[in-house]
Structures are given as C-alpha cells and as structure tokens.
Amino acid sequence: MEFFETLHARQSVRAYQARALEPEKIEAILRAANAAPSAGNKQAYQIFAVQARAALQKLGDGRTYFDVLPLALVFCAHPARSGERFGERGAKFYCVQDATIACAYAQLAATALGLASVWLGRFDEELVCRAIGAGDDLLPIAILAIGYAAETPERKPRRTLDDLVKHV
C-alpha cells in the first residue's frame, strides 16, 4: 500500500476475525516500531507482544473483541532509560513520546499489511502490568489491538485543516 493510502485507510476497528496472524506480519510490524525515531536514540520503551489467550483476556478488561483478538502490543515507557541522558524531562516526557511514536509506526505498518487495529489509551495500568508481567520500571502508554477486521466501521469526520492548523 502506498504511504498516503495507508494513512487514509487506517481507522479504529473493534471487531476481529478469529484468525491467527502470520508470523512474518508480526515481525514486520515489530520491525516498523523498532524503526521509529526516539530521543537521543535511547529507545526508552519496551514492547510486549501478547498472544496468549489468558493474557489477552486480562488486557481486554471486558472488551469482547479481545476474546478473538490474535495480538495486542503493549507499549511501555521506560523512564529511567530516558532519564539517564535527559534528566527529569526525559523521564517524564521523552520516554512517553518514544513509546507513542513506536506505537504509531506499528499501527501504520499493520494497516499497510492489510490488518486492522485500534489504539487503546484508556486502561487500568496496574491490571496491564500484571497481565504482561511488567516491572515497576515501566509505564504502560498504549495498547495496540491488531487482527483481521470483522467489520468496516463508518468513517468519522475529521477537523478541517483551517480549524486544526494555526499558521504563524
């Protein structure tokens, strides 16, 4: 898929087929995330690739589409890794930005591969850490649910560029 087609094809999907993902697609998505820029190239984040059914159901926390979801990527910021070089600002912000950019790259890669996804930012941090076995040194930032779509949601309107962009 061409880059701008990929951007416009991406949308949030919350219904998935009970179909496994090909290992090469998962690897391609993870490689895309790994290619994301990061502050000082510290790559101050950790990705948890969750495929175990029990862990997926814990992560889903009542979201029924997690019952058949084949993959969830959990992006966790690593504050100490960024703080080593950038101090407090790195520990508070740069690691979060790093994890977020990596998640965006993974989401676009999934779309380019013909997969569907939804970015989740509302979740119980403690529940997520327990489900994936993350230590206290990591902060969950985003969950990216990925699979083959079982729906094609109606497109939602976007803000106009005139409203969104302020030229200075």
N, C-alpha and C. Protein backbone atom coordinates (compact mmCIF):
# COMPACT_ATOMS: atom_id res chain seq x y z
N MET A 1 0.85 -1.17 0.00
CA MET A 1 0.00 0.00 0.00
C MET A 1 0.90 1.24 0.00
N GLU A 2 0.56 2.21 -0.80
CA GLU A 2 1.29 3.47 -0.86
C GLU A 2 1.11 4.23 0.46
N PHE A 3 2.09 5.04 0.85
CA PHE A 3 2.09 5.68 2.17
C PHE A 3 0.82 6.47 2.45
N PHE A 4 0.41 7.36 1.57
CA PHE A 4 -0.76 8.18 1.84
C PHE A 4 -2.05 7.36 1.80
N GLU A 5 -2.08 6.30 1.02
CA GLU A 5 -3.21 5.37 1.06
C GLU A 5 -3.29 4.72 2.44
N THR A 6 -2.13 4.34 2.97
CA THR A 6 -2.08 3.73 4.29
C THR A 6 -2.62 4.68 5.35
N LEU A 7 -2.17 5.92 5.31
CA LEU A 7 -2.65 6.92 6.28
C LEU A 7 -4.16 7.04 6.26
N HIS A 8 -4.73 7.10 5.07
CA HIS A 8 -6.17 7.32 4.95
C HIS A 8 -6.98 6.02 5.13
N ALA A 9 -6.34 4.88 4.97
CA ALA A 9 -7.03 3.59 5.17
C ALA A 9 -7.16 3.24 6.65
N ARG A 10 -6.25 3.75 7.47
CA ARG A 10 -6.26 3.41 8.89
C ARG A 10 -7.50 3.95 9.57
N GLN A 11 -8.15 3.09 10.33
CA GLN A 11 -9.26 3.51 11.16
C GLN A 11 -9.37 2.55 12.34
N SER A 12 -10.05 2.97 13.36
CA SER A 12 -10.19 2.13 14.55
C SER A 12 -11.23 1.06 14.32
N VAL A 13 -10.82 -0.19 14.52
CA VAL A 13 -11.69 -1.35 14.33
C VAL A 13 -11.81 -2.08 15.67
N ARG A 14 -13.03 -2.43 16.01
CA ARG A 14 -13.29 -3.10 17.29
C ARG A 14 -14.02 -4.42 17.12
N ALA A 15 -13.86 -5.05 15.97
CA ALA A 15 -14.40 -6.40 15.73
C ALA A 15 -13.40 -7.12 14.85
N TYR A 16 -12.99 -8.30 15.30
CA TYR A 16 -11.93 -9.04 14.61
C TYR A 16 -12.35 -10.47 14.31
N GLN A 17 -11.77 -11.00 13.25
CA GLN A 17 -11.96 -12.40 12.90
C GLN A 17 -11.13 -13.26 13.86
N ALA A 18 -11.61 -14.45 14.14
CA ALA A 18 -10.86 -15.41 14.95
C ALA A 18 -9.85 -16.08 14.02
N ARG A 19 -8.86 -15.33 13.63
CA ARG A 19 -7.87 -15.78 12.64
C ARG A 19 -6.48 -15.37 13.11
N ALA A 20 -5.58 -16.33 13.13
CA ALA A 20 -4.21 -16.06 13.57
C ALA A 20 -3.49 -15.15 12.57
N LEU A 21 -2.53 -14.41 13.08
CA LEU A 21 -1.69 -13.57 12.23
C LEU A 21 -0.46 -14.36 11.79
N GLU A 22 -0.03 -14.10 10.59
CA GLU A 22 1.17 -14.73 10.08
C GLU A 22 2.39 -14.18 10.83
N PRO A 23 3.31 -15.06 11.24
CA PRO A 23 4.49 -14.61 11.98
C PRO A 23 5.29 -13.53 11.25
N GLU A 24 5.35 -13.62 9.92
CA GLU A 24 6.11 -12.61 9.17
C GLU A 24 5.45 -11.23 9.24
N LYS A 25 4.12 -11.19 9.37
CA LYS A 25 3.43 -9.91 9.53
C LYS A 25 3.71 -9.32 10.91
N ILE A 26 3.69 -10.17 11.91
CA ILE A 26 4.00 -9.69 13.27
C ILE A 26 5.42 -9.14 13.31
N GLU A 27 6.35 -9.85 12.71
CA GLU A 27 7.74 -9.39 12.69
C GLU A 27 7.87 -8.07 11.94
N ALA A 28 7.17 -7.94 10.83
CA ALA A 28 7.23 -6.69 10.05
C ALA A 28 6.69 -5.51 10.87
N ILE A 29 5.64 -5.74 11.63
CA ILE A 29 5.08 -4.69 12.49
C ILE A 29 6.08 -4.30 13.57
N LEU A 30 6.69 -5.30 14.19
CA LEU A 30 7.66 -5.02 15.24
C LEU A 30 8.91 -4.32 14.69
N ARG A 31 9.31 -4.69 13.50
CA ARG A 31 10.46 -4.01 12.86
C ARG A 31 10.12 -2.55 12.56
N ALA A 32 8.89 -2.30 12.16
CA ALA A 32 8.46 -0.93 11.90
C ALA A 32 8.52 -0.11 13.20
N ALA A 33 8.02 -0.68 14.29
CA ALA A 33 8.08 0.01 15.58
C ALA A 33 9.52 0.30 15.98
N ASN A 34 10.38 -0.66 15.72
CA ASN A 34 11.80 -0.52 16.07
C ASN A 34 12.48 0.55 15.21
N ALA A 35 11.92 0.87 14.07
CA ALA A 35 12.49 1.89 13.17
C ALA A 35 12.08 3.31 13.57
N ALA A 36 11.16 3.43 14.51
CA ALA A 36 10.65 4.75 14.91
C ALA A 36 11.76 5.59 15.53
N PRO A 37 11.72 6.89 15.28
CA PRO A 37 12.72 7.75 15.91
C PRO A 37 12.48 7.83 17.42
N SER A 38 13.54 8.12 18.14
CA SER A 38 13.42 8.28 19.60
C SER A 38 14.43 9.32 20.06
N ALA A 39 14.13 9.94 21.18
CA ALA A 39 15.01 10.99 21.72
C ALA A 39 16.39 10.42 22.02
N GLY A 40 17.39 10.99 21.38
CA GLY A 40 18.76 10.56 21.60
C GLY A 40 19.01 9.12 21.24
N ASN A 41 18.12 8.54 20.44
CA ASN A 41 18.17 7.13 20.07
C ASN A 41 18.22 6.21 21.31
N LYS A 42 17.64 6.67 22.41
CA LYS A 42 17.62 5.86 23.63
C LYS A 42 16.60 4.73 23.55
N GLN A 43 15.62 4.87 22.65
CA GLN A 43 14.58 3.85 22.51
C GLN A 43 14.04 3.47 23.90
N ALA A 44 13.60 4.50 24.61
CA ALA A 44 13.20 4.35 26.01
C ALA A 44 11.79 3.80 26.15
N TYR A 45 11.60 2.62 25.61
CA TYR A 45 10.31 1.94 25.71
C TYR A 45 10.54 0.44 25.57
N GLN A 46 9.53 -0.30 25.97
CA GLN A 46 9.53 -1.76 25.85
C GLN A 46 8.22 -2.14 25.20
N ILE A 47 8.27 -3.10 24.30
CA ILE A 47 7.05 -3.60 23.66
C ILE A 47 6.79 -5.02 24.15
N PHE A 48 5.57 -5.26 24.57
CA PHE A 48 5.14 -6.61 24.94
C PHE A 48 4.20 -7.09 23.85
N ALA A 49 4.56 -8.17 23.16
CA ALA A 49 3.73 -8.78 22.12
C ALA A 49 2.91 -9.87 22.79
N VAL A 50 1.63 -9.62 22.96
CA VAL A 50 0.76 -10.50 23.73
C VAL A 50 -0.10 -11.33 22.78
N GLN A 51 0.09 -12.65 22.84
CA GLN A 51 -0.70 -13.57 22.02
C GLN A 51 -1.39 -14.64 22.87
N ALA A 52 -0.94 -14.82 24.10
CA ALA A 52 -1.53 -15.82 24.98
C ALA A 52 -2.97 -15.42 25.30
N ARG A 53 -3.89 -16.34 25.10
CA ARG A 53 -5.32 -16.06 25.26
C ARG A 53 -5.64 -15.50 26.64
N ALA A 54 -5.09 -16.09 27.70
CA ALA A 54 -5.40 -15.63 29.06
C ALA A 54 -4.93 -14.19 29.27
N ALA A 55 -3.75 -13.87 28.78
CA ALA A 55 -3.23 -12.51 28.93
C ALA A 55 -4.04 -11.52 28.10
N LEU A 56 -4.44 -11.93 26.90
CA LEU A 56 -5.27 -11.06 26.06
C LEU A 56 -6.60 -10.75 26.75
N GLN A 57 -7.21 -11.75 27.35
CA GLN A 57 -8.49 -11.51 28.01
C GLN A 57 -8.33 -10.59 29.22
N LYS A 58 -7.21 -10.72 29.93
CA LYS A 58 -6.95 -9.79 31.04
C LYS A 58 -6.78 -8.37 30.51
N LEU A 59 -6.01 -8.24 29.45
CA LEU A 59 -5.79 -6.92 28.85
C LEU A 59 -7.10 -6.31 28.37
N GLY A 60 -7.95 -7.14 27.80
CA GLY A 60 -9.23 -6.67 27.26
C GLY A 60 -10.12 -6.06 28.30
N ASP A 61 -10.02 -6.54 29.53
CA ASP A 61 -10.76 -5.96 30.65
C ASP A 61 -12.23 -5.73 30.30
N GLY A 62 -12.87 -6.76 29.74
CA GLY A 62 -14.29 -6.68 29.41
C GLY A 62 -14.59 -6.30 27.97
N ARG A 63 -13.60 -5.91 27.22
CA ARG A 63 -13.83 -5.61 25.79
C ARG A 63 -13.97 -6.94 25.06
N THR A 64 -15.15 -7.20 24.52
CA THR A 64 -15.44 -8.52 23.97
C THR A 64 -14.59 -8.87 22.76
N TYR A 65 -14.13 -7.89 22.00
CA TYR A 65 -13.33 -8.23 20.83
C TYR A 65 -11.97 -8.84 21.20
N PHE A 66 -11.56 -8.69 22.45
CA PHE A 66 -10.31 -9.33 22.89
C PHE A 66 -10.47 -10.84 23.00
N ASP A 67 -11.72 -11.33 22.99
CA ASP A 67 -11.96 -12.78 23.07
C ASP A 67 -11.41 -13.52 21.86
N VAL A 68 -11.35 -12.85 20.70
CA VAL A 68 -10.83 -13.48 19.48
C VAL A 68 -9.59 -12.78 18.94
N LEU A 69 -9.22 -11.68 19.55
CA LEU A 69 -8.07 -10.90 19.08
C LEU A 69 -6.81 -11.75 19.07
N PRO A 70 -6.06 -11.77 17.94
CA PRO A 70 -4.86 -12.60 17.90
C PRO A 70 -3.61 -11.94 18.48
N LEU A 71 -3.59 -10.59 18.56
CA LEU A 71 -2.37 -9.92 19.01
C LEU A 71 -2.69 -8.56 19.61
N ALA A 72 -2.05 -8.29 20.72
CA ALA A 72 -2.06 -6.95 21.29
C ALA A 72 -0.61 -6.59 21.59
N LEU A 73 -0.23 -5.41 21.17
CA LEU A 73 1.09 -4.89 21.50
C LEU A 73 0.91 -3.86 22.60
N VAL A 74 1.64 -4.04 23.68
CA VAL A 74 1.59 -3.09 24.78
C VAL A 74 2.90 -2.30 24.76
N PHE A 75 2.76 -1.00 24.62
CA PHE A 75 3.92 -0.11 24.57
C PHE A 75 4.09 0.54 25.93
N CYS A 76 5.24 0.29 26.54
CA CYS A 76 5.53 0.83 27.87
C CYS A 76 6.71 1.78 27.79
N ALA A 77 6.57 2.92 28.43
CA ALA A 77 7.68 3.86 28.53
C ALA A 77 8.66 3.34 29.57
N HIS A 78 9.93 3.66 29.35
CA HIS A 78 10.99 3.27 30.28
C HIS A 78 11.65 4.56 30.77
N PRO A 79 11.07 5.19 31.81
CA PRO A 79 11.54 6.50 32.25
C PRO A 79 13.03 6.55 32.62
N ALA A 80 13.54 5.55 33.30
CA ALA A 80 14.94 5.59 33.72
C ALA A 80 15.89 5.59 32.53
N ARG A 81 15.52 4.85 31.49
CA ARG A 81 16.37 4.78 30.30
C ARG A 81 16.53 6.16 29.66
N SER A 82 15.44 6.90 29.59
CA SER A 82 15.48 8.24 29.02
C SER A 82 16.06 9.25 30.01
N GLY A 83 15.75 9.05 31.28
CA GLY A 83 16.24 9.96 32.32
C GLY A 83 17.75 9.94 32.47
N GLU A 84 18.38 8.82 32.15
CA GLU A 84 19.85 8.72 32.22
C GLU A 84 20.51 9.86 31.45
N ARG A 85 19.96 10.14 30.29
CA ARG A 85 20.58 11.13 29.41
C ARG A 85 19.91 12.50 29.52
N PHE A 86 18.61 12.51 29.71
CA PHE A 86 17.87 13.78 29.61
C PHE A 86 17.27 14.26 30.93
N GLY A 87 17.58 13.59 32.01
CA GLY A 87 17.10 14.03 33.31
C GLY A 87 15.60 13.93 33.46
N GLU A 88 15.03 14.84 34.25
CA GLU A 88 13.61 14.78 34.59
C GLU A 88 12.71 14.89 33.36
N ARG A 89 13.05 15.78 32.43
CA ARG A 89 12.21 15.93 31.23
C ARG A 89 12.20 14.63 30.42
N GLY A 90 13.33 13.98 30.31
CA GLY A 90 13.40 12.71 29.60
C GLY A 90 12.56 11.64 30.28
N ALA A 91 12.66 11.60 31.62
CA ALA A 91 11.93 10.60 32.39
C ALA A 91 10.42 10.84 32.36
N LYS A 92 10.00 12.11 32.26
CA LYS A 92 8.57 12.43 32.24
C LYS A 92 7.97 12.41 30.84
N PHE A 93 8.71 12.92 29.85
CA PHE A 93 8.10 13.15 28.54
C PHE A 93 8.73 12.36 27.40
N TYR A 94 10.05 12.38 27.30
CA TYR A 94 10.68 11.79 26.11
C TYR A 94 10.39 10.31 25.99
N CYS A 95 10.39 9.58 27.09
CA CYS A 95 10.11 8.15 27.04
C CYS A 95 8.66 7.90 26.60
N VAL A 96 7.76 8.77 27.00
CA VAL A 96 6.35 8.65 26.59
C VAL A 96 6.23 8.93 25.10
N GLN A 97 6.93 9.96 24.64
CA GLN A 97 6.93 10.27 23.21
C GLN A 97 7.52 9.10 22.41
N ASP A 98 8.62 8.54 22.91
CA ASP A 98 9.25 7.41 22.21
C ASP A 98 8.27 6.25 22.05
N ALA A 99 7.59 5.88 23.13
CA ALA A 99 6.64 4.76 23.09
C ALA A 99 5.48 5.08 22.16
N THR A 100 5.03 6.32 22.18
CA THR A 100 3.91 6.73 21.35
C THR A 100 4.26 6.68 19.86
N ILE A 101 5.43 7.18 19.53
CA ILE A 101 5.86 7.17 18.12
C ILE A 101 6.00 5.72 17.64
N ALA A 102 6.58 4.86 18.46
CA ALA A 102 6.74 3.45 18.08
C ALA A 102 5.38 2.81 17.84
N CYS A 103 4.40 3.14 18.69
CA CYS A 103 3.05 2.59 18.52
C CYS A 103 2.43 3.07 17.21
N ALA A 104 2.62 4.35 16.90
CA ALA A 104 2.08 4.89 15.64
C ALA A 104 2.70 4.19 14.44
N TYR A 105 4.00 3.95 14.48
CA TYR A 105 4.65 3.24 13.38
C TYR A 105 4.08 1.83 13.25
N ALA A 106 3.89 1.15 14.38
CA ALA A 106 3.33 -0.21 14.36
C ALA A 106 1.92 -0.20 13.78
N GLN A 107 1.13 0.79 14.15
CA GLN A 107 -0.25 0.86 13.66
C GLN A 107 -0.28 1.08 12.15
N LEU A 108 0.56 1.95 11.65
CA LEU A 108 0.61 2.18 10.20
C LEU A 108 1.13 0.95 9.47
N ALA A 109 2.09 0.27 10.05
CA ALA A 109 2.61 -0.96 9.43
C ALA A 109 1.50 -2.01 9.35
N ALA A 110 0.73 -2.16 10.41
CA ALA A 110 -0.38 -3.12 10.41
C ALA A 110 -1.36 -2.78 9.29
N THR A 111 -1.68 -1.52 9.15
CA THR A 111 -2.60 -1.09 8.09
C THR A 111 -2.03 -1.41 6.72
N ALA A 112 -0.75 -1.11 6.52
CA ALA A 112 -0.10 -1.37 5.23
C ALA A 112 -0.10 -2.86 4.89
N LEU A 113 -0.14 -3.71 5.91
CA LEU A 113 -0.16 -5.16 5.71
C LEU A 113 -1.57 -5.72 5.56
N GLY A 114 -2.57 -4.83 5.52
CA GLY A 114 -3.95 -5.28 5.34
C GLY A 114 -4.63 -5.70 6.63
N LEU A 115 -4.07 -5.30 7.76
CA LEU A 115 -4.63 -5.65 9.06
C LEU A 115 -5.38 -4.47 9.65
N ALA A 116 -6.20 -4.77 10.62
CA ALA A 116 -6.96 -3.74 11.32
C ALA A 116 -6.38 -3.57 12.71
N SER A 117 -6.68 -2.42 13.31
CA SER A 117 -6.17 -2.17 14.66
C SER A 117 -7.05 -1.13 15.36
N VAL A 118 -6.84 -1.06 16.66
CA VAL A 118 -7.41 0.03 17.45
C VAL A 118 -6.40 0.35 18.55
N TRP A 119 -6.17 1.64 18.73
CA TRP A 119 -5.25 2.15 19.74
C TRP A 119 -6.04 2.37 21.01
N LEU A 120 -5.58 1.78 22.10
CA LEU A 120 -6.26 1.93 23.39
C LEU A 120 -5.36 2.72 24.34
N GLY A 121 -5.90 3.79 24.86
CA GLY A 121 -5.17 4.59 25.82
C GLY A 121 -5.85 4.63 27.17
N ARG A 122 -7.08 4.14 27.22
CA ARG A 122 -7.83 4.10 28.48
C ARG A 122 -7.80 2.67 29.00
N PHE A 123 -7.06 2.49 30.09
CA PHE A 123 -6.94 1.16 30.71
C PHE A 123 -6.43 1.32 32.13
N ASP A 124 -6.55 0.25 32.88
CA ASP A 124 -6.06 0.19 34.26
C ASP A 124 -4.58 -0.19 34.20
N GLU A 125 -3.70 0.73 34.55
CA GLU A 125 -2.26 0.50 34.45
C GLU A 125 -1.81 -0.72 35.26
N GLU A 126 -2.32 -0.86 36.47
CA GLU A 126 -1.92 -1.99 37.31
C GLU A 126 -2.35 -3.32 36.69
N LEU A 127 -3.57 -3.36 36.18
CA LEU A 127 -4.08 -4.57 35.52
C LEU A 127 -3.20 -4.92 34.33
N VAL A 128 -2.84 -3.93 33.52
CA VAL A 128 -1.99 -4.17 32.34
C VAL A 128 -0.63 -4.70 32.77
N CYS A 129 -0.03 -4.07 33.75
CA CYS A 129 1.29 -4.52 34.22
C CYS A 129 1.25 -5.96 34.71
N ARG A 130 0.19 -6.31 35.44
CA ARG A 130 0.05 -7.69 35.91
C ARG A 130 -0.13 -8.66 34.74
N ALA A 131 -0.95 -8.28 33.77
CA ALA A 131 -1.24 -9.16 32.64
C ALA A 131 0.00 -9.47 31.81
N ILE A 132 0.90 -8.49 31.70
CA ILE A 132 2.09 -8.68 30.85
C ILE A 132 3.35 -8.96 31.65
N GLY A 133 3.27 -8.87 32.96
CA GLY A 133 4.44 -9.11 33.79
C GLY A 133 5.46 -7.98 33.73
N ALA A 134 4.98 -6.76 33.57
CA ALA A 134 5.88 -5.60 33.51
C ALA A 134 6.31 -5.21 34.93
N GLY A 135 7.55 -4.79 35.04
CA GLY A 135 8.08 -4.36 36.32
C GLY A 135 7.71 -2.92 36.63
N ASP A 136 8.07 -2.50 37.84
CA ASP A 136 7.78 -1.14 38.28
C ASP A 136 8.55 -0.08 37.51
N ASP A 137 9.55 -0.51 36.75
CA ASP A 137 10.37 0.44 35.99
C ASP A 137 9.72 0.85 34.67
N LEU A 138 8.57 0.24 34.35
CA LEU A 138 7.89 0.52 33.08
C LEU A 138 6.51 1.12 33.33
N LEU A 139 6.10 1.99 32.39
CA LEU A 139 4.80 2.65 32.47
C LEU A 139 4.01 2.37 31.19
N PRO A 140 2.90 1.62 31.29
CA PRO A 140 2.11 1.35 30.08
C PRO A 140 1.56 2.65 29.49
N ILE A 141 1.75 2.82 28.19
CA ILE A 141 1.33 4.04 27.50
C ILE A 141 0.18 3.76 26.54
N ALA A 142 0.27 2.66 25.80
CA ALA A 142 -0.75 2.35 24.79
C ALA A 142 -0.82 0.86 24.57
N ILE A 143 -2.02 0.41 24.25
CA ILE A 143 -2.24 -0.97 23.80
C ILE A 143 -2.71 -0.87 22.36
N LEU A 144 -2.09 -1.63 21.49
CA LEU A 144 -2.50 -1.66 20.09
C LEU A 144 -3.05 -3.05 19.79
N ALA A 145 -4.37 -3.12 19.63
CA ALA A 145 -5.04 -4.38 19.26
C ALA A 145 -4.91 -4.54 17.75
N ILE A 146 -4.50 -5.73 17.31
CA ILE A 146 -4.24 -5.96 15.88
C ILE A 146 -4.84 -7.30 15.47
N GLY A 147 -5.49 -7.31 14.31
CA GLY A 147 -6.02 -8.55 13.75
C GLY A 147 -6.66 -8.30 12.40
N TYR A 148 -7.33 -9.31 11.89
CA TYR A 148 -8.07 -9.17 10.64
C TYR A 148 -9.46 -8.64 10.97
N ALA A 149 -9.87 -7.60 10.28
CA ALA A 149 -11.14 -6.94 10.57
C ALA A 149 -12.33 -7.85 10.32
N ALA A 150 -13.31 -7.74 11.21
CA ALA A 150 -14.60 -8.41 11.02
C ALA A 150 -15.68 -7.35 10.82
N GLU A 151 -15.27 -6.12 10.62
CA GLU A 151 -16.19 -5.02 10.37
C GLU A 151 -15.46 -3.94 9.57
N THR A 152 -16.24 -3.11 8.93
CA THR A 152 -15.71 -1.91 8.29
C THR A 152 -16.51 -0.74 8.84
N PRO A 153 -15.97 -0.12 9.89
CA PRO A 153 -16.72 0.97 10.51
C PRO A 153 -16.91 2.16 9.57
N GLU A 154 -17.98 2.87 9.80
CA GLU A 154 -18.22 4.09 9.04
C GLU A 154 -17.14 5.11 9.42
N ARG A 155 -16.66 5.82 8.44
CA ARG A 155 -15.63 6.84 8.68
C ARG A 155 -16.22 7.99 9.48
N LYS A 156 -15.45 8.46 10.43
CA LYS A 156 -15.87 9.60 11.24
C LYS A 156 -15.24 10.86 10.67
N PRO A 157 -15.96 11.97 10.77
CA PRO A 157 -15.42 13.22 10.23
C PRO A 157 -14.19 13.69 11.00
N ARG A 158 -13.32 14.37 10.31
CA ARG A 158 -12.12 14.94 10.91
C ARG A 158 -12.26 16.46 10.93
N ARG A 159 -11.51 17.09 11.79
CA ARG A 159 -11.50 18.56 11.82
C ARG A 159 -10.93 19.06 10.49
N THR A 160 -11.38 20.21 10.08
CA THR A 160 -10.82 20.82 8.87
C THR A 160 -9.41 21.33 9.17
N LEU A 161 -8.61 21.45 8.14
CA LEU A 161 -7.26 21.99 8.33
C LEU A 161 -7.31 23.43 8.84
N ASP A 162 -8.30 24.18 8.39
CA ASP A 162 -8.44 25.57 8.87
C ASP A 162 -8.66 25.61 10.38
N ASP A 163 -9.38 24.65 10.89
CA ASP A 163 -9.64 24.60 12.33
C ASP A 163 -8.43 24.02 13.09
N LEU A 164 -7.77 23.07 12.50
CA LEU A 164 -6.70 22.33 13.14
C LEU A 164 -5.37 23.08 13.15
N VAL A 165 -5.06 23.75 12.07
CA VAL A 165 -3.72 24.35 11.89
C VAL A 165 -3.78 25.85 12.06
N LYS A 166 -2.88 26.38 12.86
CA LYS A 166 -2.72 27.82 13.01
C LYS A 166 -1.37 28.20 12.42
N HIS A 167 -1.39 28.93 11.33
CA HIS A 167 -0.15 29.36 10.67
C HIS A 167 0.38 30.59 11.39
N VAL A 168 1.64 30.54 11.72
CA VAL A 168 2.28 31.64 12.44
C VAL A 168 3.37 32.26 11.59
